[in-house]
Amino acid sequence: MARLCRRVDAWNRRVYWMSVGLWIVGFAAAYLLLPVTQMLDRLP
């Protein structure tokens, strides 16, 4: 049972960090990309 618990814990950590990565990508696309593209549009 302890071995199974360690395996599940390892998968939980992987899924957690993948979701954190996806959240960061989504945050960047939603809130950081727009100001950057607006600044680039103003360049000559």
C-alpha atoms as a PDB file:
ATOM      1  CA  MET A   1       0.000   0.000   0.000  1.00  0.00           C
ATOM      2  CA  ALA A   2       2.871   2.396   0.772  1.00  0.00           C
ATOM      3  CA  ARG A   3       4.381   1.780  -2.669  1.00  0.00           C
ATOM      4  CA  LEU A   4       1.076   2.584  -4.339  1.00  0.00           C
ATOM      5  CA  CYS A   5       0.761   5.737  -2.257  1.00  0.00           C
ATOM      6  CA  ARG A   6       4.228   6.889  -3.393  1.00  0.00           C
ATOM      7  CA  ARG A   7       3.331   6.223  -7.036  1.00  0.00           C
ATOM      8  CA  VAL A   8       0.106   8.180  -6.757  1.00  0.00           C
ATOM      9  CA  ASP A   9       1.934  10.999  -4.977  1.00  0.00           C
ATOM     10  CA  ALA A  10       4.460  11.184  -7.809  1.00  0.00           C
ATOM     11  CA  TRP A  11       1.672  11.425 -10.382  1.00  0.00           C
ATOM     12  CA  ASN A  12      -0.114  14.056  -8.307  1.00  0.00           C
ATOM     13  CA  ARG A  13       3.037  16.170  -8.283  1.00  0.00           C
ATOM     14  CA  ARG A  14       3.426  15.844 -12.058  1.00  0.00           C
ATOM     15  CA  VAL A  15      -0.172  16.809 -12.692  1.00  0.00           C
ATOM     16  CA  TYR A  16       0.103  19.711 -10.255  1.00  0.00           C
ATOM     17  CA  TRP A  17       3.203  21.180 -11.916  1.00  0.00           C
ATOM     18  CA  MET A  18       1.744  20.680 -15.393  1.00  0.00           C
ATOM     19  CA  SER A  19      -1.354  22.600 -14.332  1.00  0.00           C
ATOM     20  CA  VAL A  20       0.804  25.358 -12.831  1.00  0.00           C
ATOM     21  CA  GLY A  21       2.641  25.610 -16.148  1.00  0.00           C
ATOM     22  CA  LEU A  22      -0.603  25.793 -18.092  1.00  0.00           C
ATOM     23  CA  TRP A  23      -1.915  28.455 -15.714  1.00  0.00           C
ATOM     24  CA  ILE A  24       1.223  30.554 -16.268  1.00  0.00           C
ATOM     25  CA  VAL A  25       0.875  30.249 -20.047  1.00  0.00           C
ATOM     26  CA  GLY A  26      -2.793  31.219 -19.835  1.00  0.00           C
ATOM     27  CA  PHE A  27      -2.047  34.165 -17.551  1.00  0.00           C
ATOM     28  CA  ALA A  28       0.687  35.389 -19.873  1.00  0.00           C
ATOM     29  CA  ALA A  29      -1.567  35.081 -22.909  1.00  0.00           C
ATOM     30  CA  ALA A  30      -4.470  36.847 -21.222  1.00  0.00           C
ATOM     31  CA  TYR A  31      -2.747  39.644 -19.335  1.00  0.00           C
ATOM     32  CA  LEU A  32       0.815  40.105 -20.559  1.00  0.00           C
ATOM     33  CA  LEU A  33       0.607  39.521 -24.281  1.00  0.00           C
ATOM     34  CA  LEU A  34      -1.853  42.324 -25.013  1.00  0.00           C
ATOM     35  CA  PRO A  35       0.262  45.170 -23.576  1.00  0.00           C
ATOM     36  CA  VAL A  36       3.355  43.813 -25.339  1.00  0.00           C
ATOM     37  CA  THR A  37       1.589  43.668 -28.702  1.00  0.00           C
ATOM     38  CA  GLN A  38       0.198  47.180 -28.184  1.00  0.00           C
ATOM     39  CA  MET A  39       3.714  48.472 -27.466  1.00  0.00           C
ATOM     40  CA  LEU A  40       5.030  46.766 -30.585  1.00  0.00           C
ATOM     41  CA  ASP A  41       2.257  48.299 -32.697  1.00  0.00           C
ATOM     42  CA  ARG A  42       3.372  51.793 -31.640  1.00  0.00           C
ATOM     43  CA  LEU A  43       6.929  51.266 -32.877  1.00  0.00           C
ATOM     44  CA  PRO A  44       7.754  52.909 -36.210  1.00  0.00           C
END
